[in-house]
Amino acid sequence: MAHFHFVRRHGQQPVVTFYIPWCFFCNADGAPFAGLNRSGKSCRLRWLNYLKPDIKSGNMSEEEEDLIQRLHKLLGNIWSLIAGRLPGRTDNEIKNYWNLHLKKRVLGD
């Protein structure tokens, strides 16, 4: 049986409660499976950046690269705002892609 974290989401709408299965192997929730010593924060970030079903994985398209370059020129290193314009891409993924691939290309010109 998977362990689920109880999450309350606040905002302009009424409070919505739902369950997120991010901590299946997490010791922080009292589930010492597989000998992993992940903290709750580590499990949450792993869910948000890698395991969530609506996350895109794979190479960035030319259009995505161009949009990242234009938004970076406009906004700077505000990765969460840039990620908001690219559905399915996380701010962590965009930051890593910028630092590994695009930064050299843009600054080298």
PDB file of N, CA and C in Angstrom:
ATOM      1  N   MET A   1       0.854  -1.192   0.000  1.00  0.00           N
ATOM      2  CA  MET A   1       0.000   0.000   0.000  1.00  0.00           C
ATOM      3  C   MET A   1       0.887   1.237   0.000  1.00  0.00           C
ATOM      4  N   ALA A   2       0.674   2.092  -0.927  1.00  0.00           N
ATOM      5  CA  ALA A   2       1.476   3.318  -1.026  1.00  0.00           C
ATOM      6  C   ALA A   2       1.061   4.300   0.059  1.00  0.00           C
ATOM      7  N   HIS A   3       2.023   5.062   0.520  1.00  0.00           N
ATOM      8  CA  HIS A   3       1.739   6.117   1.491  1.00  0.00           C
ATOM      9  C   HIS A   3       1.493   7.401   0.731  1.00  0.00           C
ATOM     10  N   PHE A   4       0.451   8.101   1.085  1.00  0.00           N
ATOM     11  CA  PHE A   4       0.097   9.327   0.402  1.00  0.00           C
ATOM     12  C   PHE A   4       0.203  10.491   1.368  1.00  0.00           C
ATOM     13  N   HIS A   5       0.689  11.592   0.884  1.00  0.00           N
ATOM     14  CA  HIS A   5       0.733  12.811   1.676  1.00  0.00           C
ATOM     15  C   HIS A   5      -0.565  13.573   1.465  1.00  0.00           C
ATOM     16  N   PHE A   6      -1.085  14.094   2.517  1.00  0.00           N
ATOM     17  CA  PHE A   6      -2.302  14.888   2.473  1.00  0.00           C
ATOM     18  C   PHE A   6      -1.908  16.330   2.204  1.00  0.00           C
ATOM     19  N   VAL A   7      -2.396  16.888   1.139  1.00  0.00           N
ATOM     20  CA  VAL A   7      -1.990  18.226   0.716  1.00  0.00           C
ATOM     21  C   VAL A   7      -3.221  19.122   0.631  1.00  0.00           C
ATOM     22  N   ARG A   8      -3.093  20.323   1.145  1.00  0.00           N
ATOM     23  CA  ARG A   8      -4.142  21.320   0.990  1.00  0.00           C
ATOM     24  C   ARG A   8      -3.618  22.399   0.068  1.00  0.00           C
ATOM     25  N   ARG A   9      -4.397  22.748  -0.889  1.00  0.00           N
ATOM     26  CA  ARG A   9      -3.987  23.742  -1.862  1.00  0.00           C
ATOM     27  C   ARG A   9      -4.796  25.007  -1.627  1.00  0.00           C
ATOM     28  N   HIS A  10      -4.108  26.109  -1.411  1.00  0.00           N
ATOM     29  CA  HIS A  10      -4.768  27.377  -1.140  1.00  0.00           C
ATOM     30  C   HIS A  10      -4.616  28.287  -2.348  1.00  0.00           C
ATOM     31  N   GLY A  11      -5.512  29.191  -2.479  1.00  0.00           N
ATOM     32  CA  GLY A  11      -5.442  30.145  -3.577  1.00  0.00           C
ATOM     33  C   GLY A  11      -6.700  30.973  -3.609  1.00  0.00           C
ATOM     34  N   GLN A  12      -7.073  31.438  -4.774  1.00  0.00           N
ATOM     35  CA  GLN A  12      -8.269  32.250  -4.900  1.00  0.00           C
ATOM     36  C   GLN A  12      -9.530  31.391  -4.803  1.00  0.00           C
ATOM     37  N   GLN A  13      -9.388  30.118  -5.135  1.00  0.00           N
ATOM     38  CA  GLN A  13     -10.521  29.215  -5.075  1.00  0.00           C
ATOM     39  C   GLN A  13     -10.670  28.692  -3.648  1.00  0.00           C
ATOM     40  N   PRO A  14     -11.778  28.019  -3.356  1.00  0.00           N
ATOM     41  CA  PRO A  14     -11.896  27.394  -2.042  1.00  0.00           C
ATOM     42  C   PRO A  14     -10.788  26.357  -1.852  1.00  0.00           C
ATOM     43  N   VAL A  15     -10.522  26.003  -0.617  1.00  0.00           N
ATOM     44  CA  VAL A  15      -9.459  25.046  -0.315  1.00  0.00           C
ATOM     45  C   VAL A  15      -9.798  23.707  -0.957  1.00  0.00           C
ATOM     46  N   VAL A  16      -8.844  23.169  -1.705  1.00  0.00           N
ATOM     47  CA  VAL A  16      -9.009  21.878  -2.359  1.00  0.00           C
ATOM     48  C   VAL A  16      -8.054  20.902  -1.689  1.00  0.00           C
ATOM     49  N   THR A  17      -8.532  19.755  -1.333  1.00  0.00           N
ATOM     50  CA  THR A  17      -7.654  18.751  -0.737  1.00  0.00           C
ATOM     51  C   THR A  17      -7.533  17.582  -1.698  1.00  0.00           C
ATOM     52  N   PHE A  18      -6.337  17.062  -1.824  1.00  0.00           N
ATOM     53  CA  PHE A  18      -6.102  15.914  -2.686  1.00  0.00           C
ATOM     54  C   PHE A  18      -4.881  15.163  -2.178  1.00  0.00           C
ATOM     55  N   TYR A  19      -4.684  13.983  -2.701  1.00  0.00           N
ATOM     56  CA  TYR A  19      -3.580  13.134  -2.276  1.00  0.00           C
ATOM     57  C   TYR A  19      -2.531  13.055  -3.367  1.00  0.00           C
ATOM     58  N   ILE A  20      -1.261  13.122  -2.979  1.00  0.00           N
ATOM     59  CA  ILE A  20      -0.162  13.017  -3.923  1.00  0.00           C
ATOM     60  C   ILE A  20       0.712  11.835  -3.498  1.00  0.00           C
ATOM     61  N   PRO A  21       0.952  10.877  -4.396  1.00  0.00           N
ATOM     62  CA  PRO A  21       1.723   9.684  -4.026  1.00  0.00           C
ATOM     63  C   PRO A  21       3.221   9.866  -4.209  1.00  0.00           C
ATOM     64  N   TRP A  22       3.807  10.948  -3.670  1.00  0.00           N
ATOM     65  CA  TRP A  22       5.219  11.185  -3.950  1.00  0.00           C
ATOM     66  C   TRP A  22       6.141  10.455  -3.011  1.00  0.00           C
ATOM     67  N   CYS A  23       5.670   9.930  -1.929  1.00  0.00           N
ATOM     68  CA  CYS A  23       6.569   9.443  -0.893  1.00  0.00           C
ATOM     69  C   CYS A  23       6.444   7.941  -0.688  1.00  0.00           C
ATOM     70  N   PHE A  24       6.417   7.167  -1.750  1.00  0.00           N
ATOM     71  CA  PHE A  24       6.223   5.726  -1.627  1.00  0.00           C
ATOM     72  C   PHE A  24       7.380   5.048  -0.900  1.00  0.00           C
ATOM     73  N   PHE A  25       8.608   5.453  -1.174  1.00  0.00           N
ATOM     74  CA  PHE A  25       9.776   4.829  -0.550  1.00  0.00           C
ATOM     75  C   PHE A  25      10.419   5.719   0.503  1.00  0.00           C
ATOM     76  N   CYS A  26       9.673   6.610   1.093  1.00  0.00           N
ATOM     77  CA  CYS A  26      10.255   7.631   1.954  1.00  0.00           C
ATOM     78  C   CYS A  26      10.277   7.201   3.417  1.00  0.00           C
ATOM     79  N   ASN A  27      11.435   7.319   4.045  1.00  0.00           N
ATOM     80  CA  ASN A  27      11.533   7.028   5.469  1.00  0.00           C
ATOM     81  C   ASN A  27      10.874   8.095   6.315  1.00  0.00           C
ATOM     82  N   ALA A  28      10.758   9.304   5.807  1.00  0.00           N
ATOM     83  CA  ALA A  28      10.180  10.397   6.586  1.00  0.00           C
ATOM     84  C   ALA A  28       8.717  10.128   6.914  1.00  0.00           C
ATOM     85  N   ASP A  29       8.068   9.314   6.104  1.00  0.00           N
ATOM     86  CA  ASP A  29       6.667   9.004   6.326  1.00  0.00           C
ATOM     87  C   ASP A  29       6.499   7.681   7.068  1.00  0.00           C
ATOM     88  N   GLY A  30       7.589   7.109   7.553  1.00  0.00           N
ATOM     89  CA  GLY A  30       7.504   5.860   8.285  1.00  0.00           C
ATOM     90  C   GLY A  30       7.435   4.638   7.401  1.00  0.00           C
ATOM     91  N   ALA A  31       7.923   4.733   6.188  1.00  0.00           N
ATOM     92  CA  ALA A  31       7.904   3.601   5.264  1.00  0.00           C
ATOM     93  C   ALA A  31       9.328   3.258   4.861  1.00  0.00           C
ATOM     94  N   PRO A  32      10.043   2.519   5.684  1.00  0.00           N
ATOM     95  CA  PRO A  32      11.453   2.242   5.381  1.00  0.00           C
ATOM     96  C   PRO A  32      11.626   1.135   4.348  1.00  0.00           C
ATOM     97  N   PHE A  33      11.124   1.352   3.132  1.00  0.00           N
ATOM     98  CA  PHE A  33      11.245   0.368   2.067  1.00  0.00           C
ATOM     99  C   PHE A  33      12.556   0.537   1.322  1.00  0.00           C
ATOM    100  N   ALA A  34      13.108  -0.552   0.876  1.00  0.00           N
ATOM    101  CA  ALA A  34      14.259  -0.569  -0.031  1.00  0.00           C
ATOM    102  C   ALA A  34      15.507   0.102   0.529  1.00  0.00           C
ATOM    103  N   GLY A  35      15.548   0.399   1.811  1.00  0.00           N
ATOM    104  CA  GLY A  35      16.735   0.970   2.421  1.00  0.00           C
ATOM    105  C   GLY A  35      17.031   2.394   2.013  1.00  0.00           C
ATOM    106  N   LEU A  36      16.064   3.108   1.452  1.00  0.00           N
ATOM    107  CA  LEU A  36      16.300   4.483   1.030  1.00  0.00           C
ATOM    108  C   LEU A  36      16.089   5.425   2.204  1.00  0.00           C
ATOM    109  N   ASN A  37      16.905   6.448   2.286  1.00  0.00           N
ATOM    110  CA  ASN A  37      16.821   7.410   3.371  1.00  0.00           C
ATOM    111  C   ASN A  37      16.438   8.785   2.846  1.00  0.00           C
ATOM    112  N   ARG A  38      15.416   8.842   2.023  1.00  0.00           N
ATOM    113  CA  ARG A  38      14.991  10.129   1.489  1.00  0.00           C
ATOM    114  C   ARG A  38      14.179  10.885   2.525  1.00  0.00           C
ATOM    115  N   SER A  39      14.391  12.179   2.554  1.00  0.00           N
ATOM    116  CA  SER A  39      13.571  13.020   3.423  1.00  0.00           C
ATOM    117  C   SER A  39      12.270  13.335   2.692  1.00  0.00           C
ATOM    118  N   GLY A  40      11.341  13.908   3.408  1.00  0.00           N
ATOM    119  CA  GLY A  40      10.081  14.297   2.778  1.00  0.00           C
ATOM    120  C   GLY A  40      10.282  15.313   1.681  1.00  0.00           C
ATOM    121  N   LYS A  41      11.213  16.258   1.912  1.00  0.00           N
ATOM    122  CA  LYS A  41      11.500  17.273   0.896  1.00  0.00           C
ATOM    123  C   LYS A  41      12.082  16.637  -0.360  1.00  0.00           C
ATOM    124  N   SER A  42      12.983  15.695  -0.173  1.00  0.00           N
ATOM    125  CA  SER A  42      13.593  15.009  -1.306  1.00  0.00           C
ATOM    126  C   SER A  42      12.537  14.265  -2.123  1.00  0.00           C
ATOM    127  N   CYS A  43      11.620  13.605  -1.449  1.00  0.00           N
ATOM    128  CA  CYS A  43      10.562  12.874  -2.149  1.00  0.00           C
ATOM    129  C   CYS A  43       9.621  13.831  -2.880  1.00  0.00           C
ATOM    130  N   ARG A  44       9.306  14.951  -2.256  1.00  0.00           N
ATOM    131  CA  ARG A  44       8.432  15.937  -2.892  1.00  0.00           C
ATOM    132  C   ARG A  44       9.076  16.492  -4.151  1.00  0.00           C
ATOM    133  N   LEU A  45      10.359  16.857  -4.088  1.00  0.00           N
ATOM    134  CA  LEU A  45      11.046  17.389  -5.265  1.00  0.00           C
ATOM    135  C   LEU A  45      11.178  16.332  -6.354  1.00  0.00           C
ATOM    136  N   ARG A  46      11.403  15.092  -5.960  1.00  0.00           N
ATOM    137  CA  ARG A  46      11.496  14.007  -6.937  1.00  0.00           C
ATOM    138  C   ARG A  46      10.163  13.846  -7.666  1.00  0.00           C
ATOM    139  N   TRP A  47       9.069  13.931  -6.923  1.00  0.00           N
ATOM    140  CA  TRP A  47       7.745  13.845  -7.539  1.00  0.00           C
ATOM    141  C   TRP A  47       7.517  15.021  -8.485  1.00  0.00           C
ATOM    142  N   LEU A  48       7.810  16.238  -8.034  1.00  0.00           N
ATOM    143  CA  LEU A  48       7.538  17.418  -8.850  1.00  0.00           C
ATOM    144  C   LEU A  48       8.410  17.487 -10.095  1.00  0.00           C
ATOM    145  N   ASN A  49       9.662  17.021 -10.015  1.00  0.00           N
ATOM    146  CA  ASN A  49      10.593  17.177 -11.131  1.00  0.00           C
ATOM    147  C   ASN A  49      10.718  15.963 -12.043  1.00  0.00           C
ATOM    148  N   TYR A  50      10.354  14.770 -11.557  1.00  0.00           N
ATOM    149  CA  TYR A  50      10.609  13.577 -12.369  1.00  0.00           C
ATOM    150  C   TYR A  50       9.428  12.626 -12.498  1.00  0.00           C
ATOM    151  N   LEU A  51       8.648  12.413 -11.457  1.00  0.00           N
ATOM    152  CA  LEU A  51       7.659  11.343 -11.449  1.00  0.00           C
ATOM    153  C   LEU A  51       6.250  11.775 -11.817  1.00  0.00           C
ATOM    154  N   LYS A  52       5.963  13.036 -11.756  1.00  0.00           N
ATOM    155  CA  LYS A  52       4.629  13.534 -12.041  1.00  0.00           C
ATOM    156  C   LYS A  52       4.240  13.161 -13.470  1.00  0.00           C
ATOM    157  N   PRO A  53       3.024  12.660 -13.693  1.00  0.00           N
ATOM    158  CA  PRO A  53       2.655  12.151 -15.027  1.00  0.00           C
ATOM    159  C   PRO A  53       2.637  13.195 -16.134  1.00  0.00           C
ATOM    160  N   ASP A  54       2.394  14.458 -15.833  1.00  0.00           N
ATOM    161  CA  ASP A  54       2.296  15.458 -16.902  1.00  0.00           C
ATOM    162  C   ASP A  54       3.622  16.143 -17.217  1.00  0.00           C
ATOM    163  N   ILE A  55       4.730  15.621 -16.709  1.00  0.00           N
ATOM    164  CA  ILE A  55       6.052  16.177 -16.997  1.00  0.00           C
ATOM    165  C   ILE A  55       6.548  15.624 -18.332  1.00  0.00           C
ATOM    166  N   LYS A  56       6.999  16.517 -19.200  1.00  0.00           N
ATOM    167  CA  LYS A  56       7.604  16.102 -20.470  1.00  0.00           C
ATOM    168  C   LYS A  56       9.024  15.629 -20.203  1.00  0.00           C
ATOM    169  N   SER A  57       9.410  14.567 -20.842  1.00  0.00           N
ATOM    170  CA  SER A  57      10.810  14.154 -20.769  1.00  0.00           C
ATOM    171  C   SER A  57      11.335  14.045 -22.191  1.00  0.00           C
ATOM    172  N   GLY A  58      12.614  14.180 -22.328  1.00  0.00           N
ATOM    173  CA  GLY A  58      13.190  14.111 -23.654  1.00  0.00           C
ATOM    174  C   GLY A  58      13.816  15.428 -24.059  1.00  0.00           C
ATOM    175  N   ASN A  59      14.226  15.470 -25.303  1.00  0.00           N
ATOM    176  CA  ASN A  59      14.945  16.636 -25.810  1.00  0.00           C
ATOM    177  C   ASN A  59      14.025  17.840 -25.973  1.00  0.00           C
ATOM    178  N   MET A  60      14.642  19.005 -25.858  1.00  0.00           N
ATOM    179  CA  MET A  60      13.922  20.257 -26.101  1.00  0.00           C
ATOM    180  C   MET A  60      13.828  20.477 -27.605  1.00  0.00           C
ATOM    181  N   SER A  61      12.695  20.989 -28.049  1.00  0.00           N
ATOM    182  CA  SER A  61      12.542  21.293 -29.466  1.00  0.00           C
ATOM    183  C   SER A  61      13.205  22.645 -29.767  1.00  0.00           C
ATOM    184  N   GLU A  62      13.351  22.936 -31.040  1.00  0.00           N
ATOM    185  CA  GLU A  62      13.931  24.220 -31.461  1.00  0.00           C
ATOM    186  C   GLU A  62      13.076  25.388 -30.977  1.00  0.00           C
ATOM    187  N   GLU A  63      11.747  25.214 -31.031  1.00  0.00           N
ATOM    188  CA  GLU A  63      10.850  26.274 -30.576  1.00  0.00           C
ATOM    189  C   GLU A  63      11.019  26.522 -29.079  1.00  0.00           C
ATOM    190  N   GLU A  64      11.164  25.443 -28.298  1.00  0.00           N
ATOM    191  CA  GLU A  64      11.368  25.590 -26.860  1.00  0.00           C
ATOM    192  C   GLU A  64      12.698  26.284 -26.556  1.00  0.00           C
ATOM    193  N   GLU A  65      13.749  25.911 -27.280  1.00  0.00           N
ATOM    194  CA  GLU A  65      15.053  26.555 -27.087  1.00  0.00           C
ATOM    195  C   GLU A  65      14.973  28.050 -27.394  1.00  0.00           C
ATOM    196  N   ASP A  66      14.322  28.372 -28.493  1.00  0.00           N
ATOM    197  CA  ASP A  66      14.187  29.777 -28.877  1.00  0.00           C
ATOM    198  C   ASP A  66      13.391  30.557 -27.835  1.00  0.00           C
ATOM    199  N   LEU A  67      12.310  29.971 -27.351  1.00  0.00           N
ATOM    200  CA  LEU A  67      11.491  30.629 -26.336  1.00  0.00           C
ATOM    201  C   LEU A  67      12.267  30.813 -25.032  1.00  0.00           C
ATOM    202  N   ILE A  68      13.052  29.822 -24.644  1.00  0.00           N
ATOM    203  CA  ILE A  68      13.868  29.936 -23.427  1.00  0.00           C
ATOM    204  C   ILE A  68      14.868  31.083 -23.578  1.00  0.00           C
ATOM    205  N   GLN A  69      15.516  31.171 -24.731  1.00  0.00           N
ATOM    206  CA  GLN A  69      16.492  32.240 -24.955  1.00  0.00           C
ATOM    207  C   GLN A  69      15.840  33.613 -24.904  1.00  0.00           C
ATOM    208  N   ARG A  70      14.684  33.761 -25.553  1.00  0.00           N
ATOM    209  CA  ARG A  70      14.004  35.055 -25.559  1.00  0.00           C
ATOM    210  C   ARG A  70      13.508  35.437 -24.169  1.00  0.00           C
ATOM    211  N   LEU A  71      12.935  34.467 -23.444  1.00  0.00           N
ATOM    212  CA  LEU A  71      12.433  34.757 -22.105  1.00  0.00           C
ATOM    213  C   LEU A  71      13.573  35.027 -21.127  1.00  0.00           C
ATOM    214  N   HIS A  72      14.694  34.340 -21.301  1.00  0.00           N
ATOM    215  CA  HIS A  72      15.841  34.591 -20.419  1.00  0.00           C
ATOM    216  C   HIS A  72      16.380  35.998 -20.641  1.00  0.00           C
ATOM    217  N   LYS A  73      16.394  36.428 -21.898  1.00  0.00           N
ATOM    218  CA  LYS A  73      16.852  37.792 -22.193  1.00  0.00           C
ATOM    219  C   LYS A  73      15.908  38.819 -21.565  1.00  0.00           C
ATOM    220  N   LEU A  74      14.617  38.507 -21.553  1.00  0.00           N
ATOM    221  CA  LEU A  74      13.624  39.420 -21.008  1.00  0.00           C
ATOM    222  C   LEU A  74      13.548  39.366 -19.471  1.00  0.00           C
ATOM    223  N   LEU A  75      13.547  38.151 -18.901  1.00  0.00           N
ATOM    224  CA  LEU A  75      13.292  37.971 -17.469  1.00  0.00           C
ATOM    225  C   LEU A  75      14.535  37.695 -16.638  1.00  0.00           C
ATOM    226  N   GLY A  76      15.598  37.225 -17.260  1.00  0.00           N
ATOM    227  CA  GLY A  76      16.777  36.825 -16.497  1.00  0.00           C
ATOM    228  C   GLY A  76      16.617  35.406 -15.972  1.00  0.00           C
ATOM    229  N   ASN A  77      17.210  35.142 -14.812  1.00  0.00           N
ATOM    230  CA  ASN A  77      17.224  33.788 -14.257  1.00  0.00           C
ATOM    231  C   ASN A  77      16.001  33.487 -13.401  1.00  0.00           C
ATOM    232  N   ILE A  78      14.850  33.877 -13.834  1.00  0.00           N
ATOM    233  CA  ILE A  78      13.626  33.566 -13.099  1.00  0.00           C
ATOM    234  C   ILE A  78      13.003  32.340 -13.764  1.00  0.00           C
ATOM    235  N   TRP A  79      13.521  31.178 -13.393  1.00  0.00           N
ATOM    236  CA  TRP A  79      13.208  29.929 -14.075  1.00  0.00           C
ATOM    237  C   TRP A  79      11.753  29.530 -13.917  1.00  0.00           C
ATOM    238  N   SER A  80      11.131  29.842 -12.795  1.00  0.00           N
ATOM    239  CA  SER A  80       9.735  29.453 -12.595  1.00  0.00           C
ATOM    240  C   SER A  80       8.809  30.199 -13.558  1.00  0.00           C
ATOM    241  N   LEU A  81       9.092  31.462 -13.846  1.00  0.00           N
ATOM    242  CA  LEU A  81       8.281  32.200 -14.816  1.00  0.00           C
ATOM    243  C   LEU A  81       8.497  31.673 -16.230  1.00  0.00           C
ATOM    244  N   ILE A  82       9.736  31.328 -16.536  1.00  0.00           N
ATOM    245  CA  ILE A  82      10.029  30.757 -17.861  1.00  0.00           C
ATOM    246  C   ILE A  82       9.331  29.414 -18.005  1.00  0.00           C
ATOM    247  N   ALA A  83       9.368  28.599 -16.957  1.00  0.00           N
ATOM    248  CA  ALA A  83       8.726  27.272 -17.002  1.00  0.00           C
ATOM    249  C   ALA A  83       7.214  27.392 -17.148  1.00  0.00           C
ATOM    250  N   GLY A  84       6.642  28.482 -16.644  1.00  0.00           N
ATOM    251  CA  GLY A  84       5.205  28.692 -16.795  1.00  0.00           C
ATOM    252  C   GLY A  84       4.774  28.861 -18.237  1.00  0.00           C
ATOM    253  N   ARG A  85       5.702  29.264 -19.100  1.00  0.00           N
ATOM    254  CA  ARG A  85       5.409  29.438 -20.529  1.00  0.00           C
ATOM    255  C   ARG A  85       5.659  28.173 -21.342  1.00  0.00           C
ATOM    256  N   LEU A  86       6.266  27.164 -20.722  1.00  0.00           N
ATOM    257  CA  LEU A  86       6.557  25.905 -21.410  1.00  0.00           C
ATOM    258  C   LEU A  86       5.808  24.769 -20.709  1.00  0.00           C
ATOM    259  N   PRO A  87       4.633  24.405 -21.170  1.00  0.00           N
ATOM    260  CA  PRO A  87       3.848  23.380 -20.489  1.00  0.00           C
ATOM    261  C   PRO A  87       4.583  22.045 -20.446  1.00  0.00           C
ATOM    262  N   GLY A  88       4.586  21.429 -19.275  1.00  0.00           N
ATOM    263  CA  GLY A  88       5.206  20.121 -19.108  1.00  0.00           C
ATOM    264  C   GLY A  88       6.681  20.168 -18.768  1.00  0.00           C
ATOM    265  N   ARG A  89       7.283  21.324 -18.755  1.00  0.00           N
ATOM    266  CA  ARG A  89       8.695  21.468 -18.403  1.00  0.00           C
ATOM    267  C   ARG A  89       8.800  22.099 -17.022  1.00  0.00           C
ATOM    268  N   THR A  90       9.721  21.591 -16.201  1.00  0.00           N
ATOM    269  CA  THR A  90       9.889  22.130 -14.855  1.00  0.00           C
ATOM    270  C   THR A  90      10.958  23.217 -14.851  1.00  0.00           C
ATOM    271  N   ASP A  91      10.908  24.068 -13.837  1.00  0.00           N
ATOM    272  CA  ASP A  91      11.907  25.123 -13.725  1.00  0.00           C
ATOM    273  C   ASP A  91      13.303  24.546 -13.543  1.00  0.00           C
ATOM    274  N   ASN A  92      13.402  23.428 -12.833  1.00  0.00           N
ATOM    275  CA  ASN A  92      14.692  22.772 -12.637  1.00  0.00           C
ATOM    276  C   ASN A  92      15.263  22.261 -13.965  1.00  0.00           C
ATOM    277  N   GLU A  93      14.414  21.672 -14.778  1.00  0.00           N
ATOM    278  CA  GLU A  93      14.858  21.163 -16.081  1.00  0.00           C
ATOM    279  C   GLU A  93      15.317  22.292 -16.995  1.00  0.00           C
ATOM    280  N   ILE A  94      14.579  23.385 -16.998  1.00  0.00           N
ATOM    281  CA  ILE A  94      14.936  24.524 -17.844  1.00  0.00           C
ATOM    282  C   ILE A  94      16.242  25.155 -17.375  1.00  0.00           C
ATOM    283  N   LYS A  95      16.394  25.307 -16.061  1.00  0.00           N
ATOM    284  CA  LYS A  95      17.644  25.872 -15.514  1.00  0.00           C
ATOM    285  C   LYS A  95      18.835  24.993 -15.898  1.00  0.00           C
ATOM    286  N   ASN A  96      18.694  23.680 -15.732  1.00  0.00           N
ATOM    287  CA  ASN A  96      19.789  22.773 -16.080  1.00  0.00           C
ATOM    288  C   ASN A  96      20.096  22.816 -17.575  1.00  0.00           C
ATOM    289  N   TYR A  97      19.048  22.863 -18.402  1.00  0.00           N
ATOM    290  CA  TYR A  97      19.255  22.919 -19.846  1.00  0.00           C
ATOM    291  C   TYR A  97      19.959  24.221 -20.242  1.00  0.00           C
ATOM    292  N   TRP A  98      19.568  25.315 -19.611  1.00  0.00           N
ATOM    293  CA  TRP A  98      20.224  26.601 -19.883  1.00  0.00           C
ATOM    294  C   TRP A  98      21.700  26.531 -19.527  1.00  0.00           C
ATOM    295  N   ASN A  99      22.003  26.061 -18.327  1.00  0.00           N
ATOM    296  CA  ASN A  99      23.387  26.047 -17.863  1.00  0.00           C
ATOM    297  C   ASN A  99      24.262  25.067 -18.639  1.00  0.00           C
ATOM    298  N   LEU A 100      23.695  23.979 -19.138  1.00  0.00           N
ATOM    299  CA  LEU A 100      24.499  22.974 -19.841  1.00  0.00           C
ATOM    300  C   LEU A 100      24.604  23.224 -21.347  1.00  0.00           C
ATOM    301  N   HIS A 101      23.559  23.788 -21.963  1.00  0.00           N
ATOM    302  CA  HIS A 101      23.535  23.864 -23.419  1.00  0.00           C
ATOM    303  C   HIS A 101      23.448  25.289 -23.969  1.00  0.00           C
ATOM    304  N   LEU A 102      22.476  26.032 -23.509  1.00  0.00           N
ATOM    305  CA  LEU A 102      22.178  27.314 -24.154  1.00  0.00           C
ATOM    306  C   LEU A 102      23.075  28.458 -23.736  1.00  0.00           C
ATOM    307  N   LYS A 103      23.536  28.459 -22.510  1.00  0.00           N
ATOM    308  CA  LYS A 103      24.352  29.553 -21.992  1.00  0.00           C
ATOM    309  C   LYS A 103      25.619  29.747 -22.833  1.00  0.00           C
ATOM    310  N   LYS A 104      26.279  28.665 -23.164  1.00  0.00           N
ATOM    311  CA  LYS A 104      27.508  28.743 -23.966  1.00  0.00           C
ATOM    312  C   LYS A 104      27.212  29.262 -25.360  1.00  0.00           C
ATOM    313  N   ARG A 105      26.086  28.817 -25.912  1.00  0.00           N
ATOM    314  CA  ARG A 105      25.714  29.231 -27.252  1.00  0.00           C
ATOM    315  C   ARG A 105      25.388  30.726 -27.298  1.00  0.00           C
ATOM    316  N   VAL A 106      24.656  31.212 -26.294  1.00  0.00           N
ATOM    317  CA  VAL A 106      24.232  32.615 -26.279  1.00  0.00           C
ATOM    318  C   VAL A 106      25.423  33.526 -25.936  1.00  0.00           C
ATOM    319  N   LEU A 107      26.182  33.182 -24.923  1.00  0.00           N
ATOM    320  CA  LEU A 107      27.315  34.029 -24.513  1.00  0.00           C
ATOM    321  C   LEU A 107      28.488  33.937 -25.466  1.00  0.00           C
ATOM    322  N   GLY A 108      28.556  32.858 -26.241  1.00  0.00           N
ATOM    323  CA  GLY A 108      29.645  32.700 -27.203  1.00  0.00           C
ATOM    324  C   GLY A 108      29.461  33.565 -28.427  1.00  0.00           C
ATOM    325  N   ASP A 109      28.236  34.024 -28.696  1.00  0.00           N
ATOM    326  CA  ASP A 109      27.963  34.850 -29.882  1.00  0.00           C
ATOM    327  C   ASP A 109      28.431  36.264 -29.696  1.00  0.00           C
TER     328      ASP A 109
END
